N, C-alpha and C. Protein backbone atom coordinates (compact mmCIF):
# COMPACT_ATOMS: atom_id res chain seq x y z
N UNK A 1 -2.34 28.52 11.52
CA UNK A 1 -1.64 27.50 11.68
C UNK A 1 -1.37 26.34 10.31
N UNK A 2 -2.55 26.30 10.35
CA UNK A 2 -2.55 25.05 8.79
C UNK A 2 -2.34 25.97 7.68
N UNK A 3 -1.74 26.98 7.43
CA UNK A 3 -1.75 27.40 6.11
C UNK A 3 -0.14 27.39 5.92
N UNK A 4 0.37 27.31 7.05
CA UNK A 4 1.58 27.15 7.91
C UNK A 4 2.29 25.64 7.44
N UNK A 5 1.50 24.74 7.91
CA UNK A 5 1.52 23.47 8.08
C UNK A 5 1.91 23.25 6.31
N UNK A 6 0.37 23.85 5.74
CA UNK A 6 0.50 23.65 4.23
C UNK A 6 1.75 23.67 3.26
N UNK A 7 2.26 24.97 3.82
CA UNK A 7 3.32 25.79 2.95
C UNK A 7 4.90 25.14 3.15
N UNK A 8 4.95 24.75 4.17
CA UNK A 8 6.13 23.76 4.88
C UNK A 8 6.06 22.42 4.12
N UNK A 9 5.28 21.95 3.92
CA UNK A 9 5.06 20.41 3.15
C UNK A 9 5.07 20.52 1.76
N UNK A 10 4.41 21.61 1.31
CA UNK A 10 4.89 21.89 -0.19
C UNK A 10 6.09 22.33 -0.41
N UNK A 11 6.87 22.70 0.64
CA UNK A 11 8.57 23.34 0.38
C UNK A 11 9.16 22.33 0.22
N UNK A 12 8.85 21.08 1.26
CA UNK A 12 9.43 20.10 1.32
C UNK A 12 9.35 18.91 -0.04
N UNK A 13 7.78 18.99 -0.35
CA UNK A 13 7.80 18.19 -1.72
C UNK A 13 8.26 18.71 -2.65
N UNK A 14 8.52 20.22 -2.69
CA UNK A 14 9.49 20.57 -4.03
C UNK A 14 10.63 20.56 -4.27
N UNK A 15 11.38 20.51 -3.04
CA UNK A 15 12.82 20.08 -2.80
C UNK A 15 13.23 18.55 -3.24
N UNK A 16 12.21 17.91 -2.80
CA UNK A 16 12.65 16.21 -3.29
C UNK A 16 12.27 16.84 -4.74
N UNK A 17 13.45 15.90 -5.54
CA UNK A 17 13.43 16.14 -7.01
C UNK A 17 12.83 15.19 -7.97
N UNK A 18 10.59 15.07 -7.24
CA UNK A 18 10.23 14.02 -7.67
C UNK A 18 9.09 14.76 -8.54
N UNK A 19 8.47 14.33 -9.59
CA UNK A 19 7.77 14.75 -10.18
C UNK A 19 6.75 13.46 -10.34
N UNK A 20 5.34 13.73 -9.85
CA UNK A 20 4.51 12.36 -10.34
C UNK A 20 3.70 12.71 -11.57
N UNK A 21 3.94 11.69 -12.54
CA UNK A 21 2.93 11.57 -13.53
C UNK A 21 1.93 10.37 -13.80
N UNK A 22 1.16 10.80 -14.54
CA UNK A 22 0.31 9.60 -14.42
C UNK A 22 0.74 8.29 -15.00
N UNK A 23 1.07 7.99 -16.25
CA UNK A 23 1.39 7.12 -16.60
C UNK A 23 2.87 6.05 -15.95
N UNK A 24 3.84 7.30 -15.52
CA UNK A 24 5.23 6.54 -14.47
C UNK A 24 5.39 6.72 -13.44
N UNK A 25 4.35 6.78 -12.51
CA UNK A 25 4.52 7.29 -11.47
C UNK A 25 5.04 8.15 -11.19
N UNK A 26 5.85 7.88 -9.98
CA UNK A 26 7.45 8.93 -9.49
C UNK A 26 8.49 8.83 -9.84
N UNK A 27 8.99 9.84 -10.63
CA UNK A 27 10.37 9.94 -11.29
C UNK A 27 11.24 10.93 -10.84
N UNK A 28 12.77 10.46 -10.56
CA UNK A 28 13.46 11.45 -10.05
C UNK A 28 13.99 11.95 -11.03
N UNK A 29 14.43 13.43 -11.25
CA UNK A 29 14.81 14.34 -12.29
C UNK A 29 16.45 14.32 -12.15
N UNK A 30 17.00 14.36 -12.75
CA UNK A 30 18.47 14.60 -12.71
C UNK A 30 19.19 13.51 -11.86
N UNK A 31 18.50 12.39 -11.93
CA UNK A 31 19.40 11.64 -11.07
C UNK A 31 19.53 10.42 -12.01
N UNK A 32 19.90 9.57 -11.82
CA UNK A 32 19.90 8.15 -12.51
C UNK A 32 20.07 6.92 -11.25
N UNK A 33 19.04 6.69 -11.08
CA UNK A 33 18.57 5.60 -10.16
C UNK A 33 17.46 4.70 -10.24
N UNK A 34 16.89 3.91 -8.99
CA UNK A 34 15.72 3.32 -9.11
C UNK A 34 14.38 4.20 -9.25
N UNK A 35 13.49 4.33 -10.62
CA UNK A 35 12.59 5.21 -10.80
C UNK A 35 11.35 4.10 -10.29
N UNK A 36 10.49 4.75 -9.04
CA UNK A 36 9.55 4.21 -8.15
C UNK A 36 8.36 4.43 -9.16
N UNK A 37 7.73 3.00 -9.84
CA UNK A 37 6.82 3.21 -10.68
C UNK A 37 5.30 2.32 -10.18
N UNK A 38 4.45 2.02 -10.65
CA UNK A 38 3.20 1.16 -10.54
C UNK A 38 2.52 1.03 -12.06
N UNK A 39 2.80 0.19 -12.55
CA UNK A 39 2.24 0.31 -13.76
C UNK A 39 0.98 -0.74 -14.11
N UNK A 40 0.00 -0.63 -13.78
CA UNK A 40 -1.30 -1.88 -13.53
C UNK A 40 -1.26 -2.38 -15.31
N UNK A 41 -1.86 -1.36 -15.85
CA UNK A 41 -2.56 -1.66 -17.44
C UNK A 41 -1.01 -0.86 -18.71
N UNK A 42 -0.44 0.01 -18.05
CA UNK A 42 0.93 0.73 -19.07
C UNK A 42 1.96 0.51 -18.87
N UNK A 43 2.56 0.48 -19.95
CA UNK A 43 4.49 0.24 -19.99
C UNK A 43 4.82 1.42 -19.24
N UNK A 44 6.23 1.54 -18.88
CA UNK A 44 6.90 3.00 -19.00
C UNK A 44 7.12 3.66 -20.27
N UNK A 45 6.74 2.91 -21.52
CA UNK A 45 5.91 4.23 -22.54
C UNK A 45 5.28 4.87 -22.78
N UNK A 46 4.52 3.98 -22.03
CA UNK A 46 2.41 4.31 -22.43
C UNK A 46 1.79 3.55 -23.06
N UNK A 47 2.91 2.36 -23.54
CA UNK A 47 1.60 1.62 -24.22
C UNK A 47 0.81 0.66 -23.35
N UNK A 48 -0.14 0.04 -23.78
CA UNK A 48 -0.92 -0.52 -23.14
C UNK A 48 -0.16 -2.45 -22.71
N UNK A 49 -0.29 -2.92 -21.76
CA UNK A 49 0.04 -4.08 -21.35
C UNK A 49 -0.82 -5.12 -22.48
N UNK A 50 -0.29 -5.88 -22.34
CA UNK A 50 -1.41 -7.54 -22.75
C UNK A 50 -1.99 -7.60 -21.83
N UNK A 51 -3.22 -8.83 -22.36
CA UNK A 51 -3.90 -9.04 -20.99
C UNK A 51 -3.12 -10.25 -20.15
N UNK A 52 -3.86 -10.06 -19.18
CA UNK A 52 -2.76 -11.10 -18.27
C UNK A 52 -3.01 -12.65 -18.62
N UNK A 53 -2.17 -13.87 -18.06
CA UNK A 53 -3.04 -14.84 -18.44
C UNK A 53 -3.75 -15.07 -17.72
N UNK A 54 -4.81 -15.97 -18.13
CA UNK A 54 -5.74 -16.65 -17.44
C UNK A 54 -5.82 -18.10 -16.93
N UNK A 55 -6.29 -18.02 -15.83
CA UNK A 55 -5.69 -19.39 -15.10
C UNK A 55 -6.87 -20.58 -15.24
N UNK A 56 -7.00 -21.18 -15.84
CA UNK A 56 -7.73 -22.33 -16.17
C UNK A 56 -8.38 -23.02 -14.38
N UNK A 57 -9.40 -23.20 -15.03
CA UNK A 57 -10.40 -23.92 -13.45
C UNK A 57 -9.87 -23.01 -12.27
N UNK A 58 -9.76 -21.54 -12.24
CA UNK A 58 -9.59 -20.91 -11.09
C UNK A 58 -11.14 -21.01 -10.66
N UNK A 59 -12.20 -21.27 -10.74
CA UNK A 59 -13.12 -21.08 -9.79
C UNK A 59 -12.97 -22.66 -9.08
N UNK A 60 -12.43 -23.60 -9.86
CA UNK A 60 -12.68 -25.01 -8.95
C UNK A 60 -11.08 -24.73 -8.04
N UNK A 61 -10.40 -24.17 -8.37
CA UNK A 61 -9.48 -24.34 -7.39
C UNK A 61 -9.72 -23.84 -6.48
N UNK A 62 -10.02 -22.79 -6.46
CA UNK A 62 -10.12 -21.35 -5.13
C UNK A 62 -11.53 -22.37 -4.31
N UNK A 63 -12.49 -23.20 -4.86
CA UNK A 63 -13.36 -24.08 -3.94
C UNK A 63 -12.49 -24.84 -3.38
N UNK A 64 -11.15 -25.67 -4.16
CA UNK A 64 -10.69 -26.74 -3.44
C UNK A 64 -9.89 -26.05 -2.19
N UNK A 65 -9.82 -24.83 -2.49
CA UNK A 65 -8.73 -24.35 -1.25
C UNK A 65 -9.66 -24.29 -0.17
N UNK A 66 -10.95 -23.36 -0.35
CA UNK A 66 -11.40 -22.31 0.55
C UNK A 66 -12.33 -23.43 1.41
N UNK A 67 -13.11 -24.48 0.58
CA UNK A 67 -13.85 -25.09 1.36
C UNK A 67 -12.93 -26.38 2.54
N UNK A 68 -11.97 -26.93 2.47
CA UNK A 68 -11.37 -27.98 3.13
C UNK A 68 -11.16 -26.66 4.34
N UNK A 69 -10.20 -25.52 4.16
CA UNK A 69 -10.13 -24.79 5.24
C UNK A 69 -11.50 -24.30 5.95
N UNK A 70 -12.27 -23.80 5.42
CA UNK A 70 -13.66 -23.49 6.69
C UNK A 70 -13.92 -24.76 7.35
N UNK A 71 -13.95 -26.06 6.42
CA UNK A 71 -14.25 -27.11 7.26
C UNK A 71 -13.22 -27.33 8.42
N UNK A 72 -12.08 -26.95 7.93
CA UNK A 72 -11.09 -26.98 9.48
C UNK A 72 -11.00 -26.24 10.69
N UNK A 73 -11.48 -24.68 9.76
CA UNK A 73 -12.10 -23.75 10.87
C UNK A 73 -12.74 -23.87 11.65
N UNK A 74 -14.27 -24.72 11.60
CA UNK A 74 -15.44 -24.90 11.91
C UNK A 74 -15.04 -26.24 13.05
N UNK A 75 -13.89 -26.97 13.04
CA UNK A 75 -13.92 -28.12 13.64
C UNK A 75 -13.44 -27.63 15.34
N UNK A 76 -12.45 -26.81 14.58
CA UNK A 76 -11.51 -26.26 15.36
C UNK A 76 -12.17 -24.90 16.89
N UNK A 77 -13.16 -24.66 15.93
CA UNK A 77 -14.27 -23.35 16.64
C UNK A 77 -15.10 -24.00 17.69
N UNK A 78 -15.82 -25.32 16.69
CA UNK A 78 -16.46 -26.03 17.76
C UNK A 78 -15.41 -26.68 18.83
N UNK A 79 -14.60 -27.63 18.69
CA UNK A 79 -14.01 -28.03 19.64
C UNK A 79 -13.43 -27.06 20.57
N UNK A 80 -12.83 -26.00 20.70
CA UNK A 80 -12.41 -24.89 21.39
C UNK A 80 -13.75 -24.58 22.17
N UNK A 81 -14.83 -24.07 21.68
CA UNK A 81 -15.94 -23.83 22.22
C UNK A 81 -16.48 -25.22 23.40
N UNK A 82 -16.54 -26.28 22.65
CA UNK A 82 -16.64 -27.32 23.48
C UNK A 82 -15.83 -27.58 25.15
N UNK A 83 -14.36 -27.43 24.50
CA UNK A 83 -13.54 -27.37 25.60
C UNK A 83 -13.96 -25.82 26.60
N UNK A 84 -13.84 -24.84 26.74
CA UNK A 84 -14.22 -23.88 27.46
C UNK A 84 -15.80 -24.24 27.83
N UNK A 85 -16.55 -24.47 27.07
CA UNK A 85 -17.95 -25.04 28.16
C UNK A 85 -17.66 -26.32 29.09
N UNK A 86 -16.79 -27.17 28.61
CA UNK A 86 -16.42 -28.57 29.67
C UNK A 86 -15.53 -27.82 31.19
N UNK A 87 -14.70 -26.60 30.80
CA UNK A 87 -14.01 -26.05 31.92
C UNK A 87 -14.89 -24.85 32.34
N UNK A 88 -16.25 -24.75 31.88
CA UNK A 88 -17.35 -23.76 32.14
C UNK A 88 -16.83 -22.57 32.61
N UNK A 89 -15.41 -22.12 31.48
CA UNK A 89 -15.29 -20.65 31.50
C UNK A 89 -15.83 -19.87 30.76
N UNK A 90 -16.87 -20.32 29.93
CA UNK A 90 -17.84 -19.58 29.03
C UNK A 90 -19.02 -19.90 28.93
N UNK A 91 -20.05 -20.47 29.37
CA UNK A 91 -21.00 -20.85 29.74
C UNK A 91 -22.20 -19.74 30.07
N UNK A 92 -23.41 -19.61 29.30
CA UNK A 92 -24.60 -18.76 29.32
C UNK A 92 -25.08 -19.47 30.56
N UNK A 93 -25.96 -18.49 31.35
CA UNK A 93 -26.53 -18.85 32.41
C UNK A 93 -28.23 -19.25 31.60
N UNK A 94 -28.19 -20.42 32.15
CA UNK A 94 -29.77 -20.49 31.88
C UNK A 94 -31.09 -20.24 33.15
N UNK A 95 -31.18 -18.74 32.96
CA UNK A 95 -32.06 -18.19 33.55
C UNK A 95 -33.20 -18.36 32.78
N UNK A 96 -34.58 -18.61 33.62
CA UNK A 96 -36.01 -18.80 33.01
C UNK A 96 -36.40 -17.59 33.62
N UNK A 97 -36.82 -16.23 33.02
CA UNK A 97 -37.42 -15.24 33.27
C UNK A 97 -38.81 -14.77 32.19
N UNK A 98 -39.51 -15.68 32.74
CA UNK A 98 -40.76 -15.76 32.06
C UNK A 98 -41.89 -14.60 32.56
N UNK A 99 -41.21 -14.02 33.79
CA UNK A 99 -42.48 -13.38 34.59
C UNK A 99 -43.53 -12.47 34.10
């Protein structure tokens, strides 16, 4: 059964007019349309793209965003835990089992 499924999937894939290449992704053969490709470091012709722009103060910007949101999240968690304890929704039992 597995070999039949493999043959059917190969047949379907071969009927699609696409060929996967290393540098250009999935290309349509014989059609003029949109070419699906994902080029991280090379262009469609195979040339290496220039380095991306370096963001100045990247670590400082990240810290300026992360620290306030961590603090806000901590405050929300603390207030919600106090609300749950006030309404006795989730309060741990104080059982002293020192036997």
